[in-house]
Amino acid sequence: MQHNPLAEEKPGSRRRLGEEVPAMEVVEVIATPRGVQPAKAVLVLRGITIRHAAAQTDYDRNYVGAVLNGRMVPGPKFKRRMSAFLELPEDELFRDRSEQMAS
């Protein structure tokens, strides 16, 4: 399995909210395995950490990371909260398993 440096937040490598993200990091997220949710790319593009998104949606950061990296299926409440936080429709932020398998 290929290592994805964006899958984890390392001390000292955190970005400030709104900080520009290098194009190669964006490409890495977009080209990640099919289980990764589109919401993760939105966070990266906006310079938002998983930790910050978790705090804003009132979820544990480990759960948020697992959902965004495709290791857990997001529940309806999580989808609603993340959609509200990112101000984007749920269907643009999350793919269900059948969509993931087709891509």
N, C-alpha and C. Protein backbone atom coordinates (compact mmCIF):
# COMPACT_ATOMS: atom_id res chain seq x y z
N MET A 1 0.84 -1.18 0.00
CA MET A 1 0.00 0.00 0.00
C MET A 1 0.88 1.24 0.00
N GLN A 2 0.53 2.19 -0.84
CA GLN A 2 1.31 3.41 -0.97
C GLN A 2 1.07 4.33 0.22
N HIS A 3 2.15 4.93 0.73
CA HIS A 3 2.04 5.84 1.87
C HIS A 3 1.47 7.17 1.41
N ASN A 4 0.49 7.66 2.12
CA ASN A 4 -0.12 8.95 1.81
C ASN A 4 0.21 9.91 2.94
N PRO A 5 1.11 10.87 2.71
CA PRO A 5 1.51 11.78 3.78
C PRO A 5 0.37 12.66 4.28
N LEU A 6 -0.71 12.79 3.52
CA LEU A 6 -1.82 13.61 3.96
C LEU A 6 -2.79 12.85 4.85
N ALA A 7 -2.60 11.54 4.95
CA ALA A 7 -3.52 10.72 5.73
C ALA A 7 -3.34 10.92 7.23
N GLU A 8 -2.23 11.52 7.61
CA GLU A 8 -1.98 11.73 9.02
C GLU A 8 -1.47 13.15 9.24
N GLU A 9 -1.74 13.67 10.38
CA GLU A 9 -1.28 15.01 10.71
C GLU A 9 -0.05 14.86 11.60
N LYS A 10 1.08 15.33 11.12
CA LYS A 10 2.31 15.23 11.88
C LYS A 10 2.60 16.55 12.59
N PRO A 11 3.12 16.50 13.82
CA PRO A 11 3.47 17.74 14.51
C PRO A 11 4.44 18.56 13.65
N GLY A 12 4.22 19.84 13.62
CA GLY A 12 5.11 20.72 12.86
C GLY A 12 4.75 20.84 11.39
N SER A 13 3.83 19.99 10.89
CA SER A 13 3.50 20.05 9.47
C SER A 13 2.09 20.57 9.25
N ARG A 14 1.47 21.09 10.28
CA ARG A 14 0.09 21.57 10.15
C ARG A 14 0.05 22.90 9.43
N ARG A 15 -1.00 23.05 8.68
CA ARG A 15 -1.20 24.30 7.95
C ARG A 15 -2.14 25.21 8.72
N ARG A 16 -2.02 26.48 8.46
CA ARG A 16 -2.98 27.43 9.02
C ARG A 16 -4.22 27.40 8.16
N LEU A 17 -5.36 27.68 8.77
CA LEU A 17 -6.60 27.74 8.00
C LEU A 17 -6.45 28.73 6.87
N GLY A 18 -6.84 28.31 5.68
CA GLY A 18 -6.78 29.18 4.52
C GLY A 18 -5.42 29.26 3.86
N GLU A 19 -4.40 28.62 4.43
CA GLU A 19 -3.06 28.65 3.84
C GLU A 19 -3.07 27.90 2.51
N GLU A 20 -2.38 28.43 1.54
CA GLU A 20 -2.33 27.80 0.22
C GLU A 20 -1.67 26.43 0.32
N VAL A 21 -2.23 25.48 -0.41
CA VAL A 21 -1.73 24.11 -0.40
C VAL A 21 -0.94 23.88 -1.70
N PRO A 22 0.29 23.34 -1.60
CA PRO A 22 1.05 23.06 -2.82
C PRO A 22 0.30 22.13 -3.75
N ALA A 23 0.39 22.39 -5.03
CA ALA A 23 -0.35 21.63 -6.04
C ALA A 23 -0.09 20.13 -5.94
N MET A 24 1.12 19.72 -5.64
CA MET A 24 1.42 18.28 -5.56
C MET A 24 0.63 17.61 -4.44
N GLU A 25 0.39 18.31 -3.34
CA GLU A 25 -0.40 17.72 -2.26
C GLU A 25 -1.85 17.56 -2.70
N VAL A 26 -2.36 18.50 -3.46
CA VAL A 26 -3.72 18.42 -3.97
C VAL A 26 -3.84 17.24 -4.92
N VAL A 27 -2.87 17.09 -5.81
CA VAL A 27 -2.88 15.97 -6.76
C VAL A 27 -2.83 14.65 -6.00
N GLU A 28 -2.03 14.58 -4.94
CA GLU A 28 -1.94 13.35 -4.15
C GLU A 28 -3.29 12.96 -3.57
N VAL A 29 -4.02 13.93 -3.05
CA VAL A 29 -5.33 13.64 -2.46
C VAL A 29 -6.31 13.21 -3.54
N ILE A 30 -6.33 13.92 -4.64
CA ILE A 30 -7.27 13.60 -5.71
C ILE A 30 -6.96 12.23 -6.31
N ALA A 31 -5.69 11.85 -6.34
CA ALA A 31 -5.29 10.58 -6.94
C ALA A 31 -5.19 9.45 -5.92
N THR A 32 -5.72 9.64 -4.74
CA THR A 32 -5.64 8.61 -3.72
C THR A 32 -6.57 7.45 -4.03
N PRO A 33 -6.42 6.34 -3.32
CA PRO A 33 -7.27 5.18 -3.58
C PRO A 33 -8.75 5.52 -3.53
N ARG A 34 -9.56 4.73 -4.19
CA ARG A 34 -10.97 5.06 -4.36
C ARG A 34 -11.77 5.16 -3.08
N GLY A 35 -11.29 4.66 -1.97
CA GLY A 35 -12.04 4.74 -0.72
C GLY A 35 -12.06 6.12 -0.09
N VAL A 36 -11.13 6.99 -0.48
CA VAL A 36 -11.05 8.32 0.11
C VAL A 36 -12.25 9.15 -0.34
N GLN A 37 -12.87 9.83 0.61
CA GLN A 37 -14.05 10.63 0.31
C GLN A 37 -13.66 11.98 -0.29
N PRO A 38 -14.47 12.52 -1.22
CA PRO A 38 -14.20 13.84 -1.80
C PRO A 38 -14.09 14.94 -0.73
N ALA A 39 -14.76 14.78 0.39
CA ALA A 39 -14.68 15.77 1.46
C ALA A 39 -13.23 15.99 1.91
N LYS A 40 -12.43 14.95 1.84
CA LYS A 40 -11.02 15.09 2.25
C LYS A 40 -10.28 16.04 1.31
N ALA A 41 -10.55 15.93 0.02
CA ALA A 41 -9.91 16.84 -0.94
C ALA A 41 -10.33 18.28 -0.68
N VAL A 42 -11.60 18.48 -0.32
CA VAL A 42 -12.08 19.83 0.00
C VAL A 42 -11.32 20.38 1.20
N LEU A 43 -11.15 19.56 2.23
CA LEU A 43 -10.40 20.01 3.40
C LEU A 43 -8.98 20.40 3.02
N VAL A 44 -8.33 19.57 2.24
CA VAL A 44 -6.94 19.85 1.84
C VAL A 44 -6.88 21.14 1.02
N LEU A 45 -7.77 21.27 0.06
CA LEU A 45 -7.77 22.47 -0.78
C LEU A 45 -7.99 23.74 0.03
N ARG A 46 -8.75 23.63 1.09
CA ARG A 46 -9.02 24.80 1.93
C ARG A 46 -8.02 24.97 3.07
N GLY A 47 -7.09 24.03 3.18
CA GLY A 47 -6.09 24.13 4.25
C GLY A 47 -6.65 23.82 5.63
N ILE A 48 -7.69 23.00 5.69
CA ILE A 48 -8.33 22.65 6.95
C ILE A 48 -7.84 21.28 7.41
N THR A 49 -7.40 21.18 8.64
CA THR A 49 -6.92 19.90 9.16
C THR A 49 -8.10 19.03 9.59
N ILE A 50 -7.84 17.75 9.66
CA ILE A 50 -8.85 16.81 10.16
C ILE A 50 -9.21 17.16 11.60
N ARG A 51 -8.23 17.55 12.36
CA ARG A 51 -8.47 17.93 13.76
C ARG A 51 -9.45 19.11 13.85
N HIS A 52 -9.25 20.12 13.01
CA HIS A 52 -10.14 21.28 13.03
C HIS A 52 -11.55 20.89 12.57
N ALA A 53 -11.64 20.10 11.50
CA ALA A 53 -12.94 19.65 11.01
C ALA A 53 -13.66 18.84 12.08
N ALA A 54 -12.93 18.01 12.80
CA ALA A 54 -13.53 17.21 13.88
C ALA A 54 -14.08 18.12 14.97
N ALA A 55 -13.31 19.12 15.36
CA ALA A 55 -13.78 20.04 16.40
C ALA A 55 -15.02 20.80 15.95
N GLN A 56 -15.04 21.22 14.70
CA GLN A 56 -16.17 22.01 14.19
C GLN A 56 -17.43 21.17 13.99
N THR A 57 -17.28 19.88 13.80
CA THR A 57 -18.44 19.00 13.59
C THR A 57 -18.79 18.21 14.85
N ASP A 58 -18.00 18.42 15.92
CA ASP A 58 -18.22 17.75 17.20
C ASP A 58 -18.08 16.24 17.10
N TYR A 59 -17.04 15.80 16.37
CA TYR A 59 -16.72 14.38 16.25
C TYR A 59 -15.27 14.15 16.66
N ASP A 60 -14.96 12.95 17.07
CA ASP A 60 -13.60 12.56 17.39
C ASP A 60 -12.75 12.59 16.13
N ARG A 61 -11.54 13.13 16.22
CA ARG A 61 -10.69 13.26 15.02
C ARG A 61 -10.33 11.91 14.41
N ASN A 62 -10.24 10.88 15.23
CA ASN A 62 -9.93 9.56 14.68
C ASN A 62 -11.08 9.04 13.82
N TYR A 63 -12.30 9.31 14.26
CA TYR A 63 -13.48 8.92 13.48
C TYR A 63 -13.51 9.70 12.16
N VAL A 64 -13.30 11.00 12.25
CA VAL A 64 -13.31 11.84 11.03
C VAL A 64 -12.26 11.35 10.05
N GLY A 65 -11.05 11.08 10.54
CA GLY A 65 -9.99 10.59 9.67
C GLY A 65 -10.34 9.25 9.04
N ALA A 66 -10.93 8.37 9.82
CA ALA A 66 -11.30 7.05 9.31
C ALA A 66 -12.37 7.17 8.22
N VAL A 67 -13.35 8.04 8.43
CA VAL A 67 -14.40 8.23 7.42
C VAL A 67 -13.82 8.85 6.16
N LEU A 68 -13.05 9.92 6.31
CA LEU A 68 -12.51 10.62 5.14
C LEU A 68 -11.52 9.78 4.36
N ASN A 69 -10.86 8.86 5.04
CA ASN A 69 -9.90 7.97 4.36
C ASN A 69 -10.53 6.67 3.89
N GLY A 70 -11.85 6.54 4.04
CA GLY A 70 -12.55 5.39 3.52
C GLY A 70 -12.49 4.14 4.36
N ARG A 71 -12.05 4.25 5.61
CA ARG A 71 -11.97 3.07 6.47
C ARG A 71 -13.29 2.82 7.22
N MET A 72 -14.16 3.85 7.27
CA MET A 72 -15.47 3.71 7.90
C MET A 72 -16.51 4.38 7.01
N VAL A 73 -17.72 3.89 7.10
CA VAL A 73 -18.82 4.47 6.32
C VAL A 73 -19.43 5.62 7.13
N PRO A 74 -19.58 6.80 6.52
CA PRO A 74 -20.15 7.93 7.26
C PRO A 74 -21.65 7.75 7.49
N GLY A 75 -22.08 8.11 8.68
CA GLY A 75 -23.50 8.08 8.99
C GLY A 75 -24.19 9.35 8.52
N PRO A 76 -25.52 9.36 8.47
CA PRO A 76 -26.26 10.52 8.00
C PRO A 76 -25.99 11.79 8.81
N LYS A 77 -25.87 11.66 10.13
CA LYS A 77 -25.61 12.82 11.00
C LYS A 77 -24.24 13.42 10.69
N PHE A 78 -23.25 12.57 10.51
CA PHE A 78 -21.90 13.04 10.18
C PHE A 78 -21.91 13.77 8.84
N LYS A 79 -22.58 13.19 7.85
CA LYS A 79 -22.67 13.81 6.53
C LYS A 79 -23.31 15.20 6.63
N ARG A 80 -24.39 15.31 7.40
CA ARG A 80 -25.07 16.60 7.56
C ARG A 80 -24.16 17.63 8.20
N ARG A 81 -23.47 17.22 9.27
CA ARG A 81 -22.59 18.17 9.98
C ARG A 81 -21.41 18.61 9.10
N MET A 82 -20.80 17.66 8.39
CA MET A 82 -19.66 18.02 7.53
C MET A 82 -20.14 18.90 6.38
N SER A 83 -21.29 18.59 5.84
CA SER A 83 -21.87 19.38 4.76
C SER A 83 -22.14 20.81 5.22
N ALA A 84 -22.68 20.96 6.41
CA ALA A 84 -22.94 22.30 6.96
C ALA A 84 -21.63 23.05 7.21
N PHE A 85 -20.65 22.36 7.77
CA PHE A 85 -19.35 22.99 8.05
C PHE A 85 -18.68 23.46 6.77
N LEU A 86 -18.67 22.62 5.74
CA LEU A 86 -17.99 22.96 4.49
C LEU A 86 -18.88 23.77 3.53
N GLU A 87 -20.16 23.90 3.89
CA GLU A 87 -21.12 24.64 3.08
C GLU A 87 -21.19 24.11 1.64
N LEU A 88 -21.24 22.78 1.55
CA LEU A 88 -21.38 22.09 0.28
C LEU A 88 -22.39 20.97 0.44
N PRO A 89 -23.07 20.58 -0.65
CA PRO A 89 -24.05 19.49 -0.56
C PRO A 89 -23.38 18.15 -0.20
N GLU A 90 -24.11 17.35 0.56
CA GLU A 90 -23.61 16.03 0.96
C GLU A 90 -23.17 15.19 -0.23
N ASP A 91 -23.97 15.21 -1.31
CA ASP A 91 -23.65 14.35 -2.45
C ASP A 91 -22.37 14.76 -3.17
N GLU A 92 -21.86 15.95 -2.92
CA GLU A 92 -20.57 16.36 -3.49
C GLU A 92 -19.41 15.98 -2.57
N LEU A 93 -19.70 15.72 -1.32
CA LEU A 93 -18.66 15.44 -0.33
C LEU A 93 -18.45 13.96 -0.06
N PHE A 94 -19.48 13.16 -0.29
CA PHE A 94 -19.41 11.74 0.07
C PHE A 94 -19.91 10.86 -1.06
N ARG A 95 -19.17 9.76 -1.28
CA ARG A 95 -19.59 8.73 -2.24
C ARG A 95 -19.97 7.51 -1.44
N ASP A 96 -21.01 6.82 -1.86
CA ASP A 96 -21.33 5.57 -1.17
C ASP A 96 -20.46 4.46 -1.75
N ARG A 97 -20.53 3.31 -1.15
CA ARG A 97 -19.65 2.19 -1.55
C ARG A 97 -19.83 1.81 -3.02
N SER A 98 -21.05 1.84 -3.54
CA SER A 98 -21.25 1.45 -4.94
C SER A 98 -20.56 2.44 -5.89
N GLU A 99 -20.59 3.73 -5.55
CA GLU A 99 -19.89 4.73 -6.37
C GLU A 99 -18.38 4.54 -6.29
N GLN A 100 -17.89 4.18 -5.10
CA GLN A 100 -16.45 3.98 -4.93
C GLN A 100 -15.96 2.81 -5.75
N MET A 101 -16.76 1.77 -5.83
CA MET A 101 -16.36 0.58 -6.58
C MET A 101 -16.38 0.85 -8.08
N ALA A 102 -17.25 1.74 -8.52
CA ALA A 102 -17.35 2.04 -9.96
C ALA A 102 -16.24 2.94 -10.45
N SER A 103 -15.61 3.70 -9.54
CA SER A 103 -14.55 4.64 -9.97
C SER A 103 -13.20 3.98 -10.11
